């Protein structure tokens, strides 16, 4: 799986901000299919003593069609949001 040209830059920025990279890539399962977001990360909030978790999808929008890039990114966002909300819902 190819990584975006900004993958390492984003990963380094998250680490410098106190995030722990938990998965690279983040594996998301929906039915029998497996999808991959670029990164999974968590951060401990000292004040609340609760962990935050995020999924990160990195996009550079370098193709000849920025609209196509936007459509693809938006589609991934919608799919990943639904999978993650299904995963954490009671």
N, C-alpha and C. Protein backbone atom coordinates (compact mmCIF):
# COMPACT_ATOMS: atom_id res chain seq x y z
N UNK A 1 0.84 -1.17 0.00
CA UNK A 1 0.00 0.00 0.00
C UNK A 1 0.89 1.24 0.00
N UNK A 2 0.67 2.11 -0.97
CA UNK A 2 1.49 3.32 -1.09
C UNK A 2 1.08 4.35 -0.05
N UNK A 3 2.06 5.03 0.50
CA UNK A 3 1.80 6.07 1.49
C UNK A 3 1.88 7.43 0.80
N UNK A 4 1.05 8.36 1.26
CA UNK A 4 1.04 9.71 0.75
C UNK A 4 2.40 10.37 1.00
N UNK A 5 2.76 11.32 0.16
CA UNK A 5 4.07 11.98 0.31
C UNK A 5 4.20 12.72 1.63
N UNK A 6 3.08 13.08 2.26
CA UNK A 6 3.12 13.80 3.54
C UNK A 6 2.97 12.88 4.74
N UNK A 7 2.94 11.57 4.53
CA UNK A 7 2.71 10.61 5.60
C UNK A 7 3.67 10.80 6.78
N UNK A 8 4.95 10.81 6.51
CA UNK A 8 5.93 10.92 7.59
C UNK A 8 5.87 12.27 8.29
N UNK A 9 5.60 13.33 7.54
CA UNK A 9 5.50 14.67 8.13
C UNK A 9 4.34 14.73 9.12
N UNK A 10 3.19 14.18 8.72
CA UNK A 10 2.02 14.17 9.60
C UNK A 10 2.29 13.30 10.82
N UNK A 11 2.88 12.15 10.60
CA UNK A 11 3.20 11.23 11.71
C UNK A 11 4.13 11.92 12.71
N UNK A 12 5.16 12.57 12.23
CA UNK A 12 6.10 13.28 13.10
C UNK A 12 5.41 14.40 13.87
N UNK A 13 4.52 15.14 13.21
CA UNK A 13 3.79 16.22 13.87
C UNK A 13 2.90 15.68 14.99
N UNK A 14 2.24 14.55 14.75
CA UNK A 14 1.41 13.94 15.79
C UNK A 14 2.25 13.51 16.98
N UNK A 15 3.39 12.89 16.71
CA UNK A 15 4.28 12.46 17.79
C UNK A 15 4.78 13.66 18.61
N UNK A 16 5.15 14.74 17.93
CA UNK A 16 5.63 15.94 18.63
C UNK A 16 4.52 16.59 19.48
N UNK A 17 3.27 16.37 19.07
CA UNK A 17 2.13 16.93 19.81
C UNK A 17 1.69 16.02 20.97
N UNK A 18 2.40 14.92 21.17
CA UNK A 18 2.09 14.05 22.30
C UNK A 18 1.24 12.84 21.98
N UNK A 19 0.93 12.62 20.71
CA UNK A 19 0.14 11.46 20.32
C UNK A 19 1.04 10.23 20.24
N UNK A 20 0.47 9.08 20.51
CA UNK A 20 1.14 7.80 20.33
C UNK A 20 0.53 7.15 19.11
N UNK A 21 1.35 6.79 18.14
CA UNK A 21 0.84 6.11 16.95
C UNK A 21 0.57 4.66 17.33
N UNK A 22 -0.69 4.25 17.22
CA UNK A 22 -1.07 2.89 17.62
C UNK A 22 -1.10 1.93 16.44
N UNK A 23 -1.40 2.47 15.26
CA UNK A 23 -1.45 1.63 14.07
C UNK A 23 -1.01 2.43 12.86
N UNK A 24 -0.20 1.81 12.01
CA UNK A 24 0.30 2.46 10.79
C UNK A 24 0.43 1.40 9.71
N UNK A 25 -0.66 1.15 8.99
CA UNK A 25 -1.94 1.83 8.88
C UNK A 25 -2.97 1.31 9.90
N UNK A 26 -4.06 2.08 10.05
CA UNK A 26 -5.17 1.70 10.91
C UNK A 26 -6.10 0.78 10.14
N UNK A 27 -6.30 -0.41 10.65
CA UNK A 27 -7.14 -1.43 9.98
C UNK A 27 -8.58 -1.26 10.44
N UNK A 28 -9.50 -1.09 9.48
CA UNK A 28 -10.92 -0.96 9.75
C UNK A 28 -11.65 -2.11 9.07
N UNK A 29 -12.43 -2.84 9.83
CA UNK A 29 -13.13 -4.00 9.26
C UNK A 29 -14.61 -3.67 9.12
N UNK A 30 -15.15 -3.93 7.94
CA UNK A 30 -16.57 -3.77 7.69
C UNK A 30 -17.04 -5.03 6.96
N UNK A 31 -17.84 -5.82 7.65
CA UNK A 31 -18.24 -7.11 7.09
C UNK A 31 -17.02 -7.98 6.89
N UNK A 32 -16.87 -8.49 5.69
CA UNK A 32 -15.69 -9.31 5.38
C UNK A 32 -14.58 -8.50 4.74
N UNK A 33 -14.80 -7.23 4.59
CA UNK A 33 -13.81 -6.37 3.93
C UNK A 33 -12.95 -5.64 4.96
N UNK A 34 -11.72 -5.35 4.54
CA UNK A 34 -10.78 -4.60 5.37
C UNK A 34 -10.41 -3.31 4.62
N UNK A 35 -10.55 -2.18 5.31
CA UNK A 35 -10.13 -0.89 4.78
C UNK A 35 -8.99 -0.38 5.66
N UNK A 36 -8.19 0.51 5.12
CA UNK A 36 -7.05 1.02 5.86
C UNK A 36 -7.02 2.54 5.83
N UNK A 37 -7.10 3.16 7.00
CA UNK A 37 -6.83 4.60 7.13
C UNK A 37 -5.32 4.71 7.35
N UNK A 38 -4.75 5.85 7.10
CA UNK A 38 -3.30 5.98 7.16
C UNK A 38 -2.73 5.75 8.56
N UNK A 39 -3.35 6.34 9.58
CA UNK A 39 -2.79 6.22 10.93
C UNK A 39 -3.89 6.09 11.97
N UNK A 40 -3.59 5.39 13.04
CA UNK A 40 -4.41 5.40 14.24
C UNK A 40 -3.53 5.95 15.34
N UNK A 41 -4.09 6.78 16.21
CA UNK A 41 -3.28 7.38 17.28
C UNK A 41 -4.12 7.56 18.53
N UNK A 42 -3.44 7.66 19.66
CA UNK A 42 -4.13 7.93 20.91
C UNK A 42 -3.31 8.93 21.71
N UNK A 43 -4.02 9.63 22.61
CA UNK A 43 -3.36 10.63 23.45
C UNK A 43 -4.01 10.60 24.82
N UNK A 44 -3.21 10.58 25.84
CA UNK A 44 -3.72 10.62 27.20
C UNK A 44 -3.89 12.07 27.62
N UNK A 45 -5.09 12.41 28.05
CA UNK A 45 -5.35 13.76 28.54
C UNK A 45 -5.11 13.78 30.03
N UNK A 46 -4.09 14.47 30.46
CA UNK A 46 -3.69 14.48 31.86
C UNK A 46 -4.79 15.01 32.77
N UNK A 47 -5.49 16.05 32.34
CA UNK A 47 -6.50 16.66 33.19
C UNK A 47 -7.70 15.73 33.41
N UNK A 48 -8.07 14.98 32.39
CA UNK A 48 -9.25 14.14 32.50
C UNK A 48 -8.92 12.68 32.77
N UNK A 49 -7.67 12.30 32.57
CA UNK A 49 -7.24 10.91 32.70
C UNK A 49 -8.03 9.99 31.78
N UNK A 50 -8.41 10.50 30.65
CA UNK A 50 -9.10 9.72 29.63
C UNK A 50 -8.29 9.77 28.34
N UNK A 51 -8.31 8.71 27.62
CA UNK A 51 -7.60 8.68 26.35
C UNK A 51 -8.46 9.17 25.21
N UNK A 52 -7.86 9.85 24.27
CA UNK A 52 -8.51 10.23 23.02
C UNK A 52 -7.93 9.35 21.93
N UNK A 53 -8.76 8.96 20.98
CA UNK A 53 -8.28 8.19 19.85
C UNK A 53 -8.71 8.89 18.56
N UNK A 54 -7.84 8.83 17.57
CA UNK A 54 -8.17 9.42 16.27
C UNK A 54 -7.75 8.49 15.15
N UNK A 55 -8.41 8.64 14.04
CA UNK A 55 -8.00 8.00 12.79
C UNK A 55 -7.56 9.13 11.87
N UNK A 56 -6.45 8.95 11.17
CA UNK A 56 -5.91 10.00 10.32
C UNK A 56 -5.79 9.47 8.90
N UNK A 57 -6.38 10.18 7.96
CA UNK A 57 -6.22 9.88 6.54
C UNK A 57 -5.49 11.06 5.93
N UNK A 58 -4.36 10.81 5.31
CA UNK A 58 -3.49 11.87 4.79
C UNK A 58 -3.68 11.98 3.28
N UNK A 59 -3.93 13.18 2.82
CA UNK A 59 -4.16 13.43 1.40
C UNK A 59 -3.31 14.60 0.92
N UNK A 60 -2.74 14.48 -0.27
CA UNK A 60 -1.92 15.55 -0.82
C UNK A 60 -2.62 16.34 -1.94
N UNK A 61 -3.65 15.79 -2.57
CA UNK A 61 -4.37 16.46 -3.65
C UNK A 61 -3.44 16.89 -4.78
N UNK A 62 -2.63 15.96 -5.27
CA UNK A 62 -1.65 16.26 -6.31
C UNK A 62 -2.03 15.77 -7.70
N UNK A 63 -3.17 15.12 -7.84
CA UNK A 63 -3.54 14.60 -9.17
C UNK A 63 -3.95 15.76 -10.08
N UNK A 64 -4.05 15.51 -11.37
CA UNK A 64 -4.47 16.56 -12.30
C UNK A 64 -5.87 17.10 -12.01
N UNK A 65 -6.70 16.32 -11.30
CA UNK A 65 -8.05 16.76 -11.00
C UNK A 65 -8.25 16.93 -9.50
N UNK A 66 -8.18 18.17 -8.98
CA UNK A 66 -8.40 18.37 -7.55
C UNK A 66 -9.83 18.00 -7.13
N UNK A 67 -10.78 18.11 -8.04
CA UNK A 67 -12.16 17.71 -7.72
C UNK A 67 -12.24 16.21 -7.51
N UNK A 68 -11.55 15.43 -8.34
CA UNK A 68 -11.51 13.98 -8.17
C UNK A 68 -10.86 13.63 -6.83
N UNK A 69 -9.78 14.32 -6.49
CA UNK A 69 -9.12 14.10 -5.20
C UNK A 69 -10.08 14.39 -4.05
N UNK A 70 -10.83 15.50 -4.16
CA UNK A 70 -11.79 15.88 -3.13
C UNK A 70 -12.90 14.83 -3.01
N UNK A 71 -13.42 14.37 -4.15
CA UNK A 71 -14.46 13.34 -4.12
C UNK A 71 -13.96 12.07 -3.43
N UNK A 72 -12.76 11.67 -3.73
CA UNK A 72 -12.19 10.47 -3.13
C UNK A 72 -11.99 10.66 -1.62
N UNK A 73 -11.45 11.80 -1.23
CA UNK A 73 -11.22 12.08 0.19
C UNK A 73 -12.54 12.15 0.96
N UNK A 74 -13.52 12.81 0.38
CA UNK A 74 -14.83 12.92 1.03
C UNK A 74 -15.49 11.55 1.17
N UNK A 75 -15.38 10.74 0.13
CA UNK A 75 -15.92 9.38 0.19
C UNK A 75 -15.26 8.57 1.29
N UNK A 76 -13.94 8.66 1.40
CA UNK A 76 -13.23 7.94 2.47
C UNK A 76 -13.68 8.45 3.83
N UNK A 77 -13.81 9.76 3.97
CA UNK A 77 -14.24 10.34 5.24
C UNK A 77 -15.61 9.79 5.65
N UNK A 78 -16.55 9.78 4.72
CA UNK A 78 -17.90 9.30 5.02
C UNK A 78 -17.87 7.82 5.41
N UNK A 79 -17.15 7.02 4.66
CA UNK A 79 -17.07 5.58 4.96
C UNK A 79 -16.40 5.35 6.31
N UNK A 80 -15.26 5.97 6.54
CA UNK A 80 -14.53 5.76 7.79
C UNK A 80 -15.33 6.25 8.99
N UNK A 81 -16.01 7.39 8.84
CA UNK A 81 -16.84 7.91 9.93
C UNK A 81 -17.93 6.92 10.31
N UNK A 82 -18.57 6.33 9.32
CA UNK A 82 -19.64 5.36 9.58
C UNK A 82 -19.08 4.12 10.26
N UNK A 83 -17.97 3.61 9.75
CA UNK A 83 -17.36 2.41 10.36
C UNK A 83 -16.96 2.69 11.81
N UNK A 84 -16.32 3.81 12.05
CA UNK A 84 -15.88 4.14 13.41
C UNK A 84 -17.07 4.38 14.34
N UNK A 85 -18.13 5.03 13.86
CA UNK A 85 -19.29 5.25 14.73
C UNK A 85 -20.00 3.93 15.03
N UNK A 86 -20.02 3.00 14.08
CA UNK A 86 -20.60 1.68 14.33
C UNK A 86 -19.77 0.91 15.34
N UNK A 87 -18.45 1.12 15.28
CA UNK A 87 -17.53 0.40 16.17
C UNK A 87 -17.66 0.86 17.62
N UNK A 88 -17.86 2.16 17.84
CA UNK A 88 -17.89 2.69 19.22
C UNK A 88 -19.29 2.85 19.76
N UNK A 89 -20.33 2.65 18.95
CA UNK A 89 -21.70 2.78 19.44
C UNK A 89 -22.06 1.57 20.29
N UNK A 90 -22.91 1.80 21.33
CA UNK A 90 -23.29 0.67 22.19
C UNK A 90 -24.13 -0.36 21.49
